[in-house]
mmCIF file of all heavy atoms, coordinates in Angstrom:
data_MODEL
# 
_entry.id   MODEL 
# 
loop_
_atom_site.group_PDB 
_atom_site.id 
_atom_site.type_symbol 
_atom_site.label_atom_id 
_atom_site.label_alt_id 
_atom_site.label_comp_id 
_atom_site.label_asym_id 
_atom_site.label_entity_id 
_atom_site.label_seq_id 
_atom_site.pdbx_PDB_ins_code 
_atom_site.Cartn_x 
_atom_site.Cartn_y 
_atom_site.Cartn_z 
_atom_site.occupancy 
_atom_site.B_iso_or_equiv 
_atom_site.pdbx_formal_charge 
_atom_site.auth_seq_id 
_atom_site.auth_comp_id 
_atom_site.auth_asym_id 
_atom_site.auth_atom_id 
_atom_site.pdbx_PDB_model_num 
ATOM 1   N N   . PRO A 1 1  ? -20.300 28.183 12.935 1.00 0.00 ? 1  PRO A N   1 
ATOM 2   C CA  . PRO A 1 1  ? -20.028 26.723 12.979 1.00 0.00 ? 1  PRO A CA  1 
ATOM 3   C C   . PRO A 1 1  ? -19.871 26.132 11.587 1.00 0.00 ? 1  PRO A C   1 
ATOM 4   O O   . PRO A 1 1  ? -19.053 25.250 11.372 1.00 0.00 ? 1  PRO A O   1 
ATOM 5   C CB  . PRO A 1 1  ? -21.259 26.156 13.704 1.00 0.00 ? 1  PRO A CB  1 
ATOM 6   C CG  . PRO A 1 1  ? -21.820 27.310 14.477 1.00 0.00 ? 1  PRO A CG  1 
ATOM 7   C CD  . PRO A 1 1  ? -21.548 28.532 13.679 1.00 0.00 ? 1  PRO A CD  1 
ATOM 8   N N   . GLU A 1 2  ? -20.705 26.593 10.611 1.00 0.00 ? 2  GLU A N   1 
ATOM 9   C CA  . GLU A 1 2  ? -20.618 26.015 9.282  1.00 0.00 ? 2  GLU A CA  1 
ATOM 10  C C   . GLU A 1 2  ? -19.238 26.262 8.668  1.00 0.00 ? 2  GLU A C   1 
ATOM 11  O O   . GLU A 1 2  ? -18.636 25.366 8.054  1.00 0.00 ? 2  GLU A O   1 
ATOM 12  C CB  . GLU A 1 2  ? -21.714 26.621 8.362  1.00 0.00 ? 2  GLU A CB  1 
ATOM 13  C CG  . GLU A 1 2  ? -23.128 26.291 8.777  1.00 0.00 ? 2  GLU A CG  1 
ATOM 14  C CD  . GLU A 1 2  ? -23.638 27.230 9.878  1.00 0.00 ? 2  GLU A CD  1 
ATOM 15  O OE1 . GLU A 1 2  ? -22.868 28.156 10.275 1.00 0.00 ? 2  GLU A OE1 1 
ATOM 16  O OE2 . GLU A 1 2  ? -24.765 27.037 10.358 1.00 0.00 ? 2  GLU A OE2 1 
ATOM 17  N N   . LEU A 1 3  ? -18.756 27.475 8.828  1.00 0.00 ? 3  LEU A N   1 
ATOM 18  C CA  . LEU A 1 3  ? -17.436 27.804 8.265  1.00 0.00 ? 3  LEU A CA  1 
ATOM 19  C C   . LEU A 1 3  ? -16.329 27.027 8.979  1.00 0.00 ? 3  LEU A C   1 
ATOM 20  O O   . LEU A 1 3  ? -15.348 26.594 8.380  1.00 0.00 ? 3  LEU A O   1 
ATOM 21  C CB  . LEU A 1 3  ? -17.182 29.315 8.391  1.00 0.00 ? 3  LEU A CB  1 
ATOM 22  C CG  . LEU A 1 3  ? -15.945 29.861 7.666  1.00 0.00 ? 3  LEU A CG  1 
ATOM 23  C CD1 . LEU A 1 3  ? -16.032 29.523 6.167  1.00 0.00 ? 3  LEU A CD1 1 
ATOM 24  C CD2 . LEU A 1 3  ? -15.850 31.372 7.858  1.00 0.00 ? 3  LEU A CD2 1 
ATOM 25  N N   . TYR A 1 4  ? -16.514 26.816 10.278 1.00 0.00 ? 4  TYR A N   1 
ATOM 26  C CA  . TYR A 1 4  ? -15.531 26.033 11.054 1.00 0.00 ? 4  TYR A CA  1 
ATOM 27  C C   . TYR A 1 4  ? -15.479 24.593 10.539 1.00 0.00 ? 4  TYR A C   1 
ATOM 28  O O   . TYR A 1 4  ? -14.399 24.015 10.356 1.00 0.00 ? 4  TYR A O   1 
ATOM 29  C CB  . TYR A 1 4  ? -15.913 26.049 12.536 1.00 0.00 ? 4  TYR A CB  1 
ATOM 30  C CG  . TYR A 1 4  ? -14.983 25.210 13.385 1.00 0.00 ? 4  TYR A CG  1 
ATOM 31  C CD1 . TYR A 1 4  ? -13.736 25.703 13.794 1.00 0.00 ? 4  TYR A CD1 1 
ATOM 32  C CD2 . TYR A 1 4  ? -15.350 23.911 13.752 1.00 0.00 ? 4  TYR A CD2 1 
ATOM 33  C CE1 . TYR A 1 4  ? -12.898 24.927 14.547 1.00 0.00 ? 4  TYR A CE1 1 
ATOM 34  C CE2 . TYR A 1 4  ? -14.505 23.138 14.503 1.00 0.00 ? 4  TYR A CE2 1 
ATOM 35  C CZ  . TYR A 1 4  ? -13.274 23.644 14.914 1.00 0.00 ? 4  TYR A CZ  1 
ATOM 36  O OH  . TYR A 1 4  ? -12.426 22.873 15.654 1.00 0.00 ? 4  TYR A OH  1 
ATOM 37  N N   . ASP A 1 5  ? -16.668 23.998 10.268 1.00 0.00 ? 5  ASP A N   1 
ATOM 38  C CA  . ASP A 1 5  ? -16.708 22.623 9.770  1.00 0.00 ? 5  ASP A CA  1 
ATOM 39  C C   . ASP A 1 5  ? -16.053 22.519 8.401  1.00 0.00 ? 5  ASP A C   1 
ATOM 40  O O   . ASP A 1 5  ? -15.317 21.566 8.099  1.00 0.00 ? 5  ASP A O   1 
ATOM 41  C CB  . ASP A 1 5  ? -18.170 22.141 9.676  1.00 0.00 ? 5  ASP A CB  1 
ATOM 42  C CG  . ASP A 1 5  ? -18.783 21.956 11.055 1.00 0.00 ? 5  ASP A CG  1 
ATOM 43  O OD1 . ASP A 1 5  ? -18.005 21.803 12.029 1.00 0.00 ? 5  ASP A OD1 1 
ATOM 44  O OD2 . ASP A 1 5  ? -20.030 21.955 11.139 1.00 0.00 ? 5  ASP A OD2 1 
ATOM 45  N N   . LYS A 1 6  ? -16.331 23.513 7.516  1.00 0.00 ? 6  LYS A N   1 
ATOM 46  C CA  . LYS A 1 6  ? -15.709 23.486 6.184  1.00 0.00 ? 6  LYS A CA  1 
ATOM 47  C C   . LYS A 1 6  ? -14.175 23.560 6.296  1.00 0.00 ? 6  LYS A C   1 
ATOM 48  O O   . LYS A 1 6  ? -13.448 22.884 5.577  1.00 0.00 ? 6  LYS A O   1 
ATOM 49  C CB  . LYS A 1 6  ? -16.220 24.655 5.349  1.00 0.00 ? 6  LYS A CB  1 
ATOM 50  C CG  . LYS A 1 6  ? -17.658 24.498 4.880  1.00 0.00 ? 6  LYS A CG  1 
ATOM 51  C CD  . LYS A 1 6  ? -18.073 25.695 4.013  1.00 0.00 ? 6  LYS A CD  1 
ATOM 52  C CE  . LYS A 1 6  ? -19.517 25.552 3.530  1.00 0.00 ? 6  LYS A CE  1 
ATOM 53  N NZ  . LYS A 1 6  ? -19.921 26.693 2.682  1.00 0.00 ? 6  LYS A NZ  1 
ATOM 54  N N   . THR A 1 7  ? -13.742 24.453 7.187  1.00 0.00 ? 7  THR A N   1 
ATOM 55  C CA  . THR A 1 7  ? -12.275 24.597 7.357  1.00 0.00 ? 7  THR A CA  1 
ATOM 56  C C   . THR A 1 7  ? -11.653 23.295 7.859  1.00 0.00 ? 7  THR A C   1 
ATOM 57  O O   . THR A 1 7  ? -10.591 22.856 7.400  1.00 0.00 ? 7  THR A O   1 
ATOM 58  C CB  . THR A 1 7  ? -11.970 25.737 8.349  1.00 0.00 ? 7  THR A CB  1 
ATOM 59  O OG1 . THR A 1 7  ? -12.587 26.924 7.898  1.00 0.00 ? 7  THR A OG1 1 
ATOM 60  C CG2 . THR A 1 7  ? -10.457 25.943 8.452  1.00 0.00 ? 7  THR A CG2 1 
ATOM 61  N N   . THR A 1 8  ? -12.323 22.651 8.814  1.00 0.00 ? 8  THR A N   1 
ATOM 62  C CA  . THR A 1 8  ? -11.824 21.365 9.347  1.00 0.00 ? 8  THR A CA  1 
ATOM 63  C C   . THR A 1 8  ? -11.769 20.316 8.242  1.00 0.00 ? 8  THR A C   1 
ATOM 64  O O   . THR A 1 8  ? -10.792 19.545 8.129  1.00 0.00 ? 8  THR A O   1 
ATOM 65  C CB  . THR A 1 8  ? -12.742 20.880 10.485 1.00 0.00 ? 8  THR A CB  1 
ATOM 66  O OG1 . THR A 1 8  ? -12.770 21.869 11.516 1.00 0.00 ? 8  THR A OG1 1 
ATOM 67  C CG2 . THR A 1 8  ? -12.209 19.567 11.064 1.00 0.00 ? 8  THR A CG2 1 
ATOM 68  N N   . ASN A 1 9  ? -12.796 20.261 7.406  1.00 0.00 ? 9  ASN A N   1 
ATOM 69  C CA  . ASN A 1 9  ? -12.809 19.280 6.312  1.00 0.00 ? 9  ASN A CA  1 
ATOM 70  C C   . ASN A 1 9  ? -11.667 19.537 5.333  1.00 0.00 ? 9  ASN A C   1 
ATOM 71  O O   . ASN A 1 9  ? -11.045 18.608 4.808  1.00 0.00 ? 9  ASN A O   1 
ATOM 72  C CB  . ASN A 1 9  ? -14.151 19.338 5.572  1.00 0.00 ? 9  ASN A CB  1 
ATOM 73  C CG  . ASN A 1 9  ? -15.287 18.805 6.423  1.00 0.00 ? 9  ASN A CG  1 
ATOM 74  O OD1 . ASN A 1 9  ? -15.055 17.991 7.316  1.00 0.00 ? 9  ASN A OD1 1 
ATOM 75  N ND2 . ASN A 1 9  ? -16.507 19.252 6.159  1.00 0.00 ? 9  ASN A ND2 1 
ATOM 76  N N   . LEU A 1 10 ? -11.425 20.842 5.050  1.00 0.00 ? 10 LEU A N   1 
ATOM 77  C CA  . LEU A 1 10 ? -10.316 21.170 4.145  1.00 0.00 ? 10 LEU A CA  1 
ATOM 78  C C   . LEU A 1 10 ? -8.975  20.744 4.740  1.00 0.00 ? 10 LEU A C   1 
ATOM 79  O O   . LEU A 1 10 ? -8.092  20.250 4.030  1.00 0.00 ? 10 LEU A O   1 
ATOM 80  C CB  . LEU A 1 10 ? -10.315 22.672 3.844  1.00 0.00 ? 10 LEU A CB  1 
ATOM 81  C CG  . LEU A 1 10 ? -11.418 23.181 2.905  1.00 0.00 ? 10 LEU A CG  1 
ATOM 82  C CD1 . LEU A 1 10 ? -11.413 24.691 2.877  1.00 0.00 ? 10 LEU A CD1 1 
ATOM 83  C CD2 . LEU A 1 10 ? -11.238 22.611 1.500  1.00 0.00 ? 10 LEU A CD2 1 
ATOM 84  N N   . LEU A 1 11 ? -8.803  20.948 6.041  1.00 0.00 ? 11 LEU A N   1 
ATOM 85  C CA  . LEU A 1 11 ? -7.554  20.510 6.690  1.00 0.00 ? 11 LEU A CA  1 
ATOM 86  C C   . LEU A 1 11 ? -7.404  18.992 6.617  1.00 0.00 ? 11 LEU A C   1 
ATOM 87  O O   . LEU A 1 11 ? -6.310  18.467 6.389  1.00 0.00 ? 11 LEU A O   1 
ATOM 88  C CB  . LEU A 1 11 ? -7.540  20.965 8.152  1.00 0.00 ? 11 LEU A CB  1 
ATOM 89  C CG  . LEU A 1 11 ? -7.282  22.459 8.378  1.00 0.00 ? 11 LEU A CG  1 
ATOM 90  C CD1 . LEU A 1 11 ? -7.486  22.820 9.834  1.00 0.00 ? 11 LEU A CD1 1 
ATOM 91  C CD2 . LEU A 1 11 ? -5.871  22.833 7.918  1.00 0.00 ? 11 LEU A CD2 1 
ATOM 92  N N   . ASP A 1 12 ? -8.519  18.251 6.836  1.00 0.00 ? 12 ASP A N   1 
ATOM 93  C CA  . ASP A 1 12 ? -8.458  16.784 6.724  1.00 0.00 ? 12 ASP A CA  1 
ATOM 94  C C   . ASP A 1 12 ? -8.064  16.373 5.316  1.00 0.00 ? 12 ASP A C   1 
ATOM 95  O O   . ASP A 1 12 ? -7.279  15.438 5.109  1.00 0.00 ? 12 ASP A O   1 
ATOM 96  C CB  . ASP A 1 12 ? -9.820  16.181 7.072  1.00 0.00 ? 12 ASP A CB  1 
ATOM 97  C CG  . ASP A 1 12 ? -10.116 16.297 8.562  1.00 0.00 ? 12 ASP A CG  1 
ATOM 98  O OD1 . ASP A 1 12 ? -9.157  16.484 9.338  1.00 0.00 ? 12 ASP A OD1 1 
ATOM 99  O OD2 . ASP A 1 12 ? -11.309 16.197 8.934  1.00 0.00 ? 12 ASP A OD2 1 
ATOM 100 N N   . GLU A 1 13 ? -8.644  17.053 4.328  1.00 0.00 ? 13 GLU A N   1 
ATOM 101 C CA  . GLU A 1 13 ? -8.324  16.731 2.934  1.00 0.00 ? 13 GLU A CA  1 
ATOM 102 C C   . GLU A 1 13 ? -6.838  16.996 2.640  1.00 0.00 ? 13 GLU A C   1 
ATOM 103 O O   . GLU A 1 13 ? -6.164  16.220 1.967  1.00 0.00 ? 13 GLU A O   1 
ATOM 104 C CB  . GLU A 1 13 ? -9.207  17.571 2.007  1.00 0.00 ? 13 GLU A CB  1 
ATOM 105 C CG  . GLU A 1 13 ? -8.987  17.246 0.516  1.00 0.00 ? 13 GLU A CG  1 
ATOM 106 C CD  . GLU A 1 13 ? -9.876  18.090 -0.384 1.00 0.00 ? 13 GLU A CD  1 
ATOM 107 O OE1 . GLU A 1 13 ? -10.766 18.814 0.139  1.00 0.00 ? 13 GLU A OE1 1 
ATOM 108 O OE2 . GLU A 1 13 ? -9.668  18.029 -1.601 1.00 0.00 ? 13 GLU A OE2 1 
ATOM 109 N N   . ALA A 1 14 ? -6.326  18.137 3.175  1.00 0.00 ? 14 ALA A N   1 
ATOM 110 C CA  . ALA A 1 14 ? -4.897  18.449 2.974  1.00 0.00 ? 14 ALA A CA  1 
ATOM 111 C C   . ALA A 1 14 ? -4.018  17.390 3.607  1.00 0.00 ? 14 ALA A C   1 
ATOM 112 O O   . ALA A 1 14 ? -3.009  16.957 3.040  1.00 0.00 ? 14 ALA A O   1 
ATOM 113 C CB  . ALA A 1 14 ? -4.590  19.834 3.571  1.00 0.00 ? 14 ALA A CB  1 
ATOM 114 N N   . TYR A 1 15 ? -4.410  16.935 4.805  1.00 0.00 ? 15 TYR A N   1 
ATOM 115 C CA  . TYR A 1 15 ? -3.629  15.887 5.480  1.00 0.00 ? 15 TYR A CA  1 
ATOM 116 C C   . TYR A 1 15 ? -3.591  14.597 4.650  1.00 0.00 ? 15 TYR A C   1 
ATOM 117 O O   . TYR A 1 15 ? -2.549  13.965 4.485  1.00 0.00 ? 15 TYR A O   1 
ATOM 118 C CB  . TYR A 1 15 ? -4.230  15.614 6.858  1.00 0.00 ? 15 TYR A CB  1 
ATOM 119 C CG  . TYR A 1 15 ? -3.683  14.366 7.500  1.00 0.00 ? 15 TYR A CG  1 
ATOM 120 C CD1 . TYR A 1 15 ? -2.380  14.345 8.027  1.00 0.00 ? 15 TYR A CD1 1 
ATOM 121 C CD2 . TYR A 1 15 ? -4.438  13.196 7.551  1.00 0.00 ? 15 TYR A CD2 1 
ATOM 122 C CE1 . TYR A 1 15 ? -1.882  13.190 8.586  1.00 0.00 ? 15 TYR A CE1 1 
ATOM 123 C CE2 . TYR A 1 15 ? -3.942  12.049 8.112  1.00 0.00 ? 15 TYR A CE2 1 
ATOM 124 C CZ  . TYR A 1 15 ? -2.651  12.050 8.635  1.00 0.00 ? 15 TYR A CZ  1 
ATOM 125 O OH  . TYR A 1 15 ? -2.141  10.903 9.190  1.00 0.00 ? 15 TYR A OH  1 
ATOM 126 N N   . LEU A 1 16 ? -4.768  14.219 4.101  1.00 0.00 ? 16 LEU A N   1 
ATOM 127 C CA  . LEU A 1 16 ? -4.833  12.988 3.312  1.00 0.00 ? 16 LEU A CA  1 
ATOM 128 C C   . LEU A 1 16 ? -3.981  13.102 2.055  1.00 0.00 ? 16 LEU A C   1 
ATOM 129 O O   . LEU A 1 16 ? -3.341  12.139 1.634  1.00 0.00 ? 16 LEU A O   1 
ATOM 130 C CB  . LEU A 1 16 ? -6.286  12.682 2.936  1.00 0.00 ? 16 LEU A CB  1 
ATOM 131 C CG  . LEU A 1 16 ? -7.195  12.249 4.091  1.00 0.00 ? 16 LEU A CG  1 
ATOM 132 C CD1 . LEU A 1 16 ? -8.636  12.123 3.616  1.00 0.00 ? 16 LEU A CD1 1 
ATOM 133 C CD2 . LEU A 1 16 ? -6.707  10.914 4.672  1.00 0.00 ? 16 LEU A CD2 1 
ATOM 134 N N   . LYS A 1 17 ? -3.959  14.275 1.418  1.00 0.00 ? 17 LYS A N   1 
ATOM 135 C CA  . LYS A 1 17 ? -3.150  14.446 0.211  1.00 0.00 ? 17 LYS A CA  1 
ATOM 136 C C   . LYS A 1 17 ? -1.649  14.346 0.552  1.00 0.00 ? 17 LYS A C   1 
ATOM 137 O O   . LYS A 1 17 ? -0.867  13.739 -0.181 1.00 0.00 ? 17 LYS A O   1 
ATOM 138 C CB  . LYS A 1 17 ? -3.459  15.794 -0.436 1.00 0.00 ? 17 LYS A CB  1 
ATOM 139 C CG  . LYS A 1 17 ? -4.811  15.834 -1.158 1.00 0.00 ? 17 LYS A CG  1 
ATOM 140 C CD  . LYS A 1 17 ? -5.008  17.138 -1.901 1.00 0.00 ? 17 LYS A CD  1 
ATOM 141 C CE  . LYS A 1 17 ? -6.350  17.107 -2.639 1.00 0.00 ? 17 LYS A CE  1 
ATOM 142 N NZ  . LYS A 1 17 ? -6.366  16.091 -3.689 1.00 0.00 ? 17 LYS A NZ  1 
ATOM 143 N N   . ILE A 1 18 ? -1.249  15.010 1.662  1.00 0.00 ? 18 ILE A N   1 
ATOM 144 C CA  . ILE A 1 18 ? 0.164   14.926 2.077  1.00 0.00 ? 18 ILE A CA  1 
ATOM 145 C C   . ILE A 1 18 ? 0.531   13.471 2.372  1.00 0.00 ? 18 ILE A C   1 
ATOM 146 O O   . ILE A 1 18 ? 1.580   12.970 1.974  1.00 0.00 ? 18 ILE A O   1 
ATOM 147 C CB  . ILE A 1 18 ? 0.403   15.804 3.322  1.00 0.00 ? 18 ILE A CB  1 
ATOM 148 C CG1 . ILE A 1 18 ? 0.268   17.282 2.944  1.00 0.00 ? 18 ILE A CG1 1 
ATOM 149 C CG2 . ILE A 1 18 ? 1.794   15.543 3.902  1.00 0.00 ? 18 ILE A CG2 1 
ATOM 150 C CD1 . ILE A 1 18 ? 0.289   18.218 4.128  1.00 0.00 ? 18 ILE A CD1 1 
ATOM 151 N N   . ARG A 1 19 ? -0.369  12.754 3.080  1.00 0.00 ? 19 ARG A N   1 
ATOM 152 C CA  . ARG A 1 19 ? -0.113  11.354 3.399  1.00 0.00 ? 19 ARG A CA  1 
ATOM 153 C C   . ARG A 1 19 ? -0.026  10.499 2.130  1.00 0.00 ? 19 ARG A C   1 
ATOM 154 O O   . ARG A 1 19 ? 0.813   9.601  2.006  1.00 0.00 ? 19 ARG A O   1 
ATOM 155 C CB  . ARG A 1 19 ? -1.225  10.829 4.298  1.00 0.00 ? 19 ARG A CB  1 
ATOM 156 C CG  . ARG A 1 19 ? -0.981  9.428  4.847  1.00 0.00 ? 19 ARG A CG  1 
ATOM 157 C CD  . ARG A 1 19 ? -2.057  9.078  5.868  1.00 0.00 ? 19 ARG A CD  1 
ATOM 158 N NE  . ARG A 1 19 ? -1.817  7.748  6.409  1.00 0.00 ? 19 ARG A NE  1 
ATOM 159 C CZ  . ARG A 1 19 ? -2.286  6.618  5.877  1.00 0.00 ? 19 ARG A CZ  1 
ATOM 160 N NH1 . ARG A 1 19 ? -3.000  6.673  4.776  1.00 0.00 ? 19 ARG A NH1 1 
ATOM 161 N NH2 . ARG A 1 19 ? -2.031  5.462  6.428  1.00 0.00 ? 19 ARG A NH2 1 
ATOM 162 N N   . SER A 1 20 ? -0.882  10.826 1.136  1.00 0.00 ? 20 SER A N   1 
ATOM 163 C CA  . SER A 1 20 ? -0.869  10.074 -0.123 1.00 0.00 ? 20 SER A CA  1 
ATOM 164 C C   . SER A 1 20 ? 0.441   10.271 -0.867 1.00 0.00 ? 20 SER A C   1 
ATOM 165 O O   . SER A 1 20 ? 1.018   9.328  -1.404 1.00 0.00 ? 20 SER A O   1 
ATOM 166 C CB  . SER A 1 20 ? -2.043  10.525 -0.989 1.00 0.00 ? 20 SER A CB  1 
ATOM 167 O OG  . SER A 1 20 ? -1.992  9.919  -2.253 1.00 0.00 ? 20 SER A OG  1 
ATOM 168 N N   . ILE A 1 21 ? 0.908   11.562 -0.882 1.00 0.00 ? 21 ILE A N   1 
ATOM 169 C CA  . ILE A 1 21 ? 2.185   11.841 -1.576 1.00 0.00 ? 21 ILE A CA  1 
ATOM 170 C C   . ILE A 1 21 ? 3.335   11.139 -0.860 1.00 0.00 ? 21 ILE A C   1 
ATOM 171 O O   . ILE A 1 21 ? 4.213   10.530 -1.486 1.00 0.00 ? 21 ILE A O   1 
ATOM 172 C CB  . ILE A 1 21 ? 2.420   13.361 -1.637 1.00 0.00 ? 21 ILE A CB  1 
ATOM 173 C CG1 . ILE A 1 21 ? 1.387   14.011 -2.558 1.00 0.00 ? 21 ILE A CG1 1 
ATOM 174 C CG2 . ILE A 1 21 ? 3.839   13.664 -2.132 1.00 0.00 ? 21 ILE A CG2 1 
ATOM 175 C CD1 . ILE A 1 21 ? 1.402   15.537 -2.510 1.00 0.00 ? 21 ILE A CD1 1 
ATOM 176 N N   . ALA A 1 22 ? 3.356   11.194 0.468  1.00 0.00 ? 22 ALA A N   1 
ATOM 177 C CA  . ALA A 1 22 ? 4.421   10.538 1.230  1.00 0.00 ? 22 ALA A CA  1 
ATOM 178 C C   . ALA A 1 22 ? 4.400   9.035  1.015  1.00 0.00 ? 22 ALA A C   1 
ATOM 179 O O   . ALA A 1 22 ? 5.428   8.385  0.884  1.00 0.00 ? 22 ALA A O   1 
ATOM 180 C CB  . ALA A 1 22 ? 4.274   10.862 2.720  1.00 0.00 ? 22 ALA A CB  1 
ATOM 181 N N   . HIS A 1 23 ? 3.147   8.467  0.974  1.00 0.00 ? 23 HIS A N   1 
ATOM 182 C CA  . HIS A 1 23 ? 3.034   7.026  0.746  1.00 0.00 ? 23 HIS A CA  1 
ATOM 183 C C   . HIS A 1 23 ? 3.545   6.650  -0.641 1.00 0.00 ? 23 HIS A C   1 
ATOM 184 O O   . HIS A 1 23 ? 4.253   5.653  -0.817 1.00 0.00 ? 23 HIS A O   1 
ATOM 185 C CB  . HIS A 1 23 ? 1.589   6.601  0.902  1.00 0.00 ? 23 HIS A CB  1 
ATOM 186 C CG  . HIS A 1 23 ? 1.381   5.134  0.629  1.00 0.00 ? 23 HIS A CG  1 
ATOM 187 N ND1 . HIS A 1 23 ? 1.792   4.151  1.508  1.00 0.00 ? 23 HIS A ND1 1 
ATOM 188 C CD2 . HIS A 1 23 ? 0.816   4.496  -0.434 1.00 0.00 ? 23 HIS A CD2 1 
ATOM 189 C CE1 . HIS A 1 23 ? 1.493   2.975  1.001  1.00 0.00 ? 23 HIS A CE1 1 
ATOM 190 N NE2 . HIS A 1 23 ? 0.900   3.147  -0.172 1.00 0.00 ? 23 HIS A NE2 1 
ATOM 191 N N   . ALA A 1 24 ? 3.215   7.488  -1.642 1.00 0.00 ? 24 ALA A N   1 
ATOM 192 C CA  . ALA A 1 24 ? 3.686   7.214  -3.012 1.00 0.00 ? 24 ALA A CA  1 
ATOM 193 C C   . ALA A 1 24 ? 5.195   7.290  -3.081 1.00 0.00 ? 24 ALA A C   1 
ATOM 194 O O   . ALA A 1 24 ? 5.842   6.538  -3.790 1.00 0.00 ? 24 ALA A O   1 
ATOM 195 C CB  . ALA A 1 24 ? 3.050   8.211  -3.976 1.00 0.00 ? 24 ALA A CB  1 
# 
């Protein structure tokens, strides 16, 4: 479960970065 949560957080972070670049 711990590794699953870390992976999910990394995916959320990647999504936010892509959204930030698209917004810019």
